[in-house]
Amino acid sequence: MSNAAKEAVEIDIKYAGFIKRQTKQLQQTTAKYGKKLSSDMDYMAIKTISMEAREKLSKVRFDAQHDISMCKKSMR
């Protein structure tokens, strides 16, 4: 086995747990994008998000057809 192949196997083993956790977190985050935002939510009352995000969300009201992915695009 070449040194490069040995190194690749070593890296795979070394970071397998990290990659598994990151993959799970990515799947959980992806699943959240399908959830709907309420059009009558008081975004200014949500203290766990930044003031900038609260202001932007308050300016843009979403109807029931918009999802979090649309929100993400408008925040850019």
N, C-alpha and C. Protein backbone atom coordinates (compact mmCIF):
# COMPACT_ATOMS: atom_id res chain seq x y z
N MET A 1 0.85 -1.18 0.00
CA MET A 1 0.00 0.00 0.00
C MET A 1 0.89 1.24 0.00
N SER A 2 0.57 2.20 -0.86
CA SER A 2 1.38 3.40 -0.96
C SER A 2 1.18 4.30 0.26
N ASN A 3 2.09 5.22 0.44
CA ASN A 3 1.99 6.17 1.56
C ASN A 3 0.72 7.01 1.45
N ALA A 4 0.36 7.41 0.25
CA ALA A 4 -0.84 8.23 0.05
C ALA A 4 -2.09 7.44 0.44
N ALA A 5 -2.13 6.18 0.07
CA ALA A 5 -3.28 5.34 0.41
C ALA A 5 -3.36 5.12 1.91
N LYS A 6 -2.22 4.91 2.55
CA LYS A 6 -2.19 4.75 4.00
C LYS A 6 -2.69 6.02 4.70
N GLU A 7 -2.22 7.13 4.21
CA GLU A 7 -2.63 8.41 4.78
C GLU A 7 -4.14 8.63 4.61
N ALA A 8 -4.67 8.28 3.45
CA ALA A 8 -6.10 8.43 3.19
C ALA A 8 -6.92 7.56 4.14
N VAL A 9 -6.49 6.33 4.37
CA VAL A 9 -7.19 5.42 5.29
C VAL A 9 -7.11 5.97 6.71
N GLU A 10 -5.95 6.46 7.10
CA GLU A 10 -5.76 7.03 8.43
C GLU A 10 -6.68 8.23 8.65
N ILE A 11 -6.79 9.08 7.66
CA ILE A 11 -7.67 10.25 7.75
C ILE A 11 -9.12 9.82 7.84
N ASP A 12 -9.52 8.85 7.03
CA ASP A 12 -10.90 8.34 7.08
C ASP A 12 -11.25 7.82 8.46
N ILE A 13 -10.34 7.07 9.05
CA ILE A 13 -10.58 6.51 10.39
C ILE A 13 -10.59 7.61 11.44
N LYS A 14 -9.64 8.51 11.34
CA LYS A 14 -9.48 9.58 12.32
C LYS A 14 -10.71 10.50 12.37
N TYR A 15 -11.30 10.80 11.22
CA TYR A 15 -12.39 11.76 11.14
C TYR A 15 -13.77 11.13 10.93
N ALA A 16 -13.88 9.82 11.02
CA ALA A 16 -15.15 9.14 10.77
C ALA A 16 -16.25 9.62 11.70
N GLY A 17 -15.96 9.77 12.98
CA GLY A 17 -16.97 10.24 13.95
C GLY A 17 -17.42 11.66 13.65
N PHE A 18 -16.47 12.52 13.33
CA PHE A 18 -16.78 13.90 13.00
C PHE A 18 -17.66 13.97 11.75
N ILE A 19 -17.30 13.23 10.73
CA ILE A 19 -18.06 13.22 9.47
C ILE A 19 -19.47 12.69 9.71
N LYS A 20 -19.60 11.67 10.54
CA LYS A 20 -20.92 11.10 10.85
C LYS A 20 -21.79 12.15 11.55
N ARG A 21 -21.23 12.87 12.54
CA ARG A 21 -21.99 13.91 13.26
C ARG A 21 -22.39 15.04 12.32
N GLN A 22 -21.48 15.46 11.45
CA GLN A 22 -21.77 16.53 10.52
C GLN A 22 -22.84 16.12 9.51
N THR A 23 -22.79 14.89 9.07
CA THR A 23 -23.80 14.37 8.15
C THR A 23 -25.17 14.38 8.80
N LYS A 24 -25.24 13.94 10.06
CA LYS A 24 -26.51 13.93 10.80
C LYS A 24 -27.03 15.35 10.98
N GLN A 25 -26.15 16.28 11.34
CA GLN A 25 -26.55 17.68 11.52
C GLN A 25 -27.06 18.26 10.20
N LEU A 26 -26.42 17.95 9.11
CA LEU A 26 -26.85 18.43 7.79
C LEU A 26 -28.24 17.89 7.45
N GLN A 27 -28.49 16.62 7.74
CA GLN A 27 -29.80 16.02 7.48
C GLN A 27 -30.88 16.70 8.32
N GLN A 28 -30.57 17.00 9.58
CA GLN A 28 -31.54 17.66 10.46
C GLN A 28 -31.84 19.07 9.96
N THR A 29 -30.81 19.78 9.55
CA THR A 29 -30.97 21.14 9.05
C THR A 29 -31.78 21.14 7.76
N THR A 30 -31.48 20.20 6.88
CA THR A 30 -32.21 20.09 5.62
C THR A 30 -33.68 19.81 5.87
N ALA A 31 -33.99 18.98 6.85
CA ALA A 31 -35.39 18.67 7.16
C ALA A 31 -36.15 19.89 7.65
N LYS A 32 -35.46 20.83 8.29
CA LYS A 32 -36.11 22.04 8.81
C LYS A 32 -36.58 22.97 7.69
N TYR A 33 -35.94 22.91 6.53
CA TYR A 33 -36.29 23.83 5.43
C TYR A 33 -37.69 23.61 4.90
N GLY A 34 -38.30 22.49 5.16
CA GLY A 34 -39.64 22.22 4.68
C GLY A 34 -40.73 22.81 5.56
N LYS A 35 -40.38 23.36 6.70
CA LYS A 35 -41.37 23.90 7.63
C LYS A 35 -41.82 25.28 7.20
N LYS A 36 -43.06 25.58 7.49
CA LYS A 36 -43.65 26.86 7.10
C LYS A 36 -43.46 27.90 8.20
N LEU A 37 -43.32 29.15 7.79
CA LEU A 37 -43.26 30.27 8.73
C LEU A 37 -44.64 30.88 8.86
N SER A 38 -44.98 31.29 10.05
CA SER A 38 -46.28 31.92 10.30
C SER A 38 -46.25 33.36 9.79
N SER A 39 -47.31 33.76 9.12
CA SER A 39 -47.36 35.12 8.59
C SER A 39 -47.69 36.16 9.66
N ASP A 40 -48.19 35.73 10.80
CA ASP A 40 -48.54 36.68 11.85
C ASP A 40 -47.60 36.61 13.06
N MET A 41 -46.45 36.00 12.89
CA MET A 41 -45.49 35.85 13.98
C MET A 41 -44.85 37.20 14.33
N ASP A 42 -44.66 37.46 15.62
CA ASP A 42 -43.99 38.67 16.07
C ASP A 42 -42.49 38.37 16.15
N TYR A 43 -41.79 38.64 15.07
CA TYR A 43 -40.36 38.33 15.00
C TYR A 43 -39.54 39.16 15.98
N MET A 44 -40.01 40.35 16.32
CA MET A 44 -39.28 41.20 17.26
C MET A 44 -39.27 40.60 18.67
N ALA A 45 -40.18 39.69 18.96
CA ALA A 45 -40.24 39.07 20.27
C ALA A 45 -39.28 37.89 20.41
N ILE A 46 -38.68 37.46 19.32
CA ILE A 46 -37.76 36.31 19.35
C ILE A 46 -36.37 36.84 19.68
N LYS A 47 -35.96 36.67 20.91
CA LYS A 47 -34.69 37.23 21.37
C LYS A 47 -33.48 36.36 21.03
N THR A 48 -33.72 35.15 20.55
CA THR A 48 -32.61 34.24 20.25
C THR A 48 -32.02 34.45 18.86
N ILE A 49 -32.61 35.34 18.06
CA ILE A 49 -32.02 35.67 16.75
C ILE A 49 -31.55 37.11 16.79
N SER A 50 -30.63 37.45 15.91
CA SER A 50 -30.03 38.78 15.94
C SER A 50 -31.07 39.85 15.62
N MET A 51 -30.79 41.06 16.06
CA MET A 51 -31.68 42.19 15.79
C MET A 51 -31.83 42.40 14.28
N GLU A 52 -30.73 42.24 13.56
CA GLU A 52 -30.78 42.40 12.10
C GLU A 52 -31.76 41.40 11.48
N ALA A 53 -31.70 40.16 11.91
CA ALA A 53 -32.60 39.13 11.39
C ALA A 53 -34.04 39.45 11.77
N ARG A 54 -34.27 39.89 13.01
CA ARG A 54 -35.63 40.24 13.44
C ARG A 54 -36.19 41.38 12.60
N GLU A 55 -35.36 42.39 12.33
CA GLU A 55 -35.82 43.53 11.53
C GLU A 55 -36.16 43.10 10.11
N LYS A 56 -35.31 42.29 9.51
CA LYS A 56 -35.56 41.82 8.14
C LYS A 56 -36.81 40.97 8.07
N LEU A 57 -36.97 40.07 9.05
CA LEU A 57 -38.15 39.21 9.05
C LEU A 57 -39.42 40.02 9.28
N SER A 58 -39.34 41.07 10.08
CA SER A 58 -40.51 41.91 10.33
C SER A 58 -40.91 42.71 9.10
N LYS A 59 -39.93 43.08 8.28
CA LYS A 59 -40.23 43.85 7.06
C LYS A 59 -40.88 43.00 5.98
N VAL A 60 -40.52 41.74 5.96
CA VAL A 60 -41.03 40.84 4.91
C VAL A 60 -41.99 39.84 5.54
N ARG A 61 -43.24 39.93 5.21
CA ARG A 61 -44.24 38.99 5.74
C ARG A 61 -44.47 37.89 4.71
N PHE A 62 -44.44 36.65 5.20
CA PHE A 62 -44.60 35.50 4.32
C PHE A 62 -46.02 34.97 4.41
N ASP A 63 -46.57 34.58 3.26
CA ASP A 63 -47.87 33.92 3.32
C ASP A 63 -47.65 32.41 3.49
N ALA A 64 -48.69 31.66 3.57
CA ALA A 64 -48.58 30.23 3.87
C ALA A 64 -47.84 29.44 2.79
N GLN A 65 -47.68 30.00 1.61
CA GLN A 65 -47.03 29.29 0.51
C GLN A 65 -45.51 29.40 0.55
N HIS A 66 -44.97 30.35 1.32
CA HIS A 66 -43.52 30.52 1.39
C HIS A 66 -42.95 29.64 2.49
N ASP A 67 -41.75 29.14 2.25
CA ASP A 67 -41.12 28.31 3.26
C ASP A 67 -39.79 28.93 3.69
N ILE A 68 -39.09 28.26 4.55
CA ILE A 68 -37.86 28.81 5.12
C ILE A 68 -36.79 29.03 4.04
N SER A 69 -36.80 28.24 2.99
CA SER A 69 -35.80 28.43 1.94
C SER A 69 -35.98 29.78 1.26
N MET A 70 -37.22 30.25 1.12
CA MET A 70 -37.46 31.58 0.56
C MET A 70 -36.94 32.65 1.52
N CYS A 71 -37.11 32.43 2.79
CA CYS A 71 -36.63 33.35 3.81
C CYS A 71 -35.12 33.45 3.72
N LYS A 72 -34.48 32.32 3.57
CA LYS A 72 -33.02 32.28 3.50
C LYS A 72 -32.53 33.10 2.31
N LYS A 73 -33.20 32.98 1.18
CA LYS A 73 -32.81 33.73 -0.02
C LYS A 73 -32.98 35.23 0.20
N SER A 74 -34.05 35.65 0.87
CA SER A 74 -34.30 37.07 1.06
C SER A 74 -33.37 37.70 2.08
N MET A 75 -32.75 36.89 2.94
CA MET A 75 -31.85 37.40 3.97
C MET A 75 -30.44 37.66 3.43
N ARG A 76 -30.17 37.23 2.22
CA ARG A 76 -28.81 37.40 1.65
C ARG A 76 -28.57 38.80 1.21
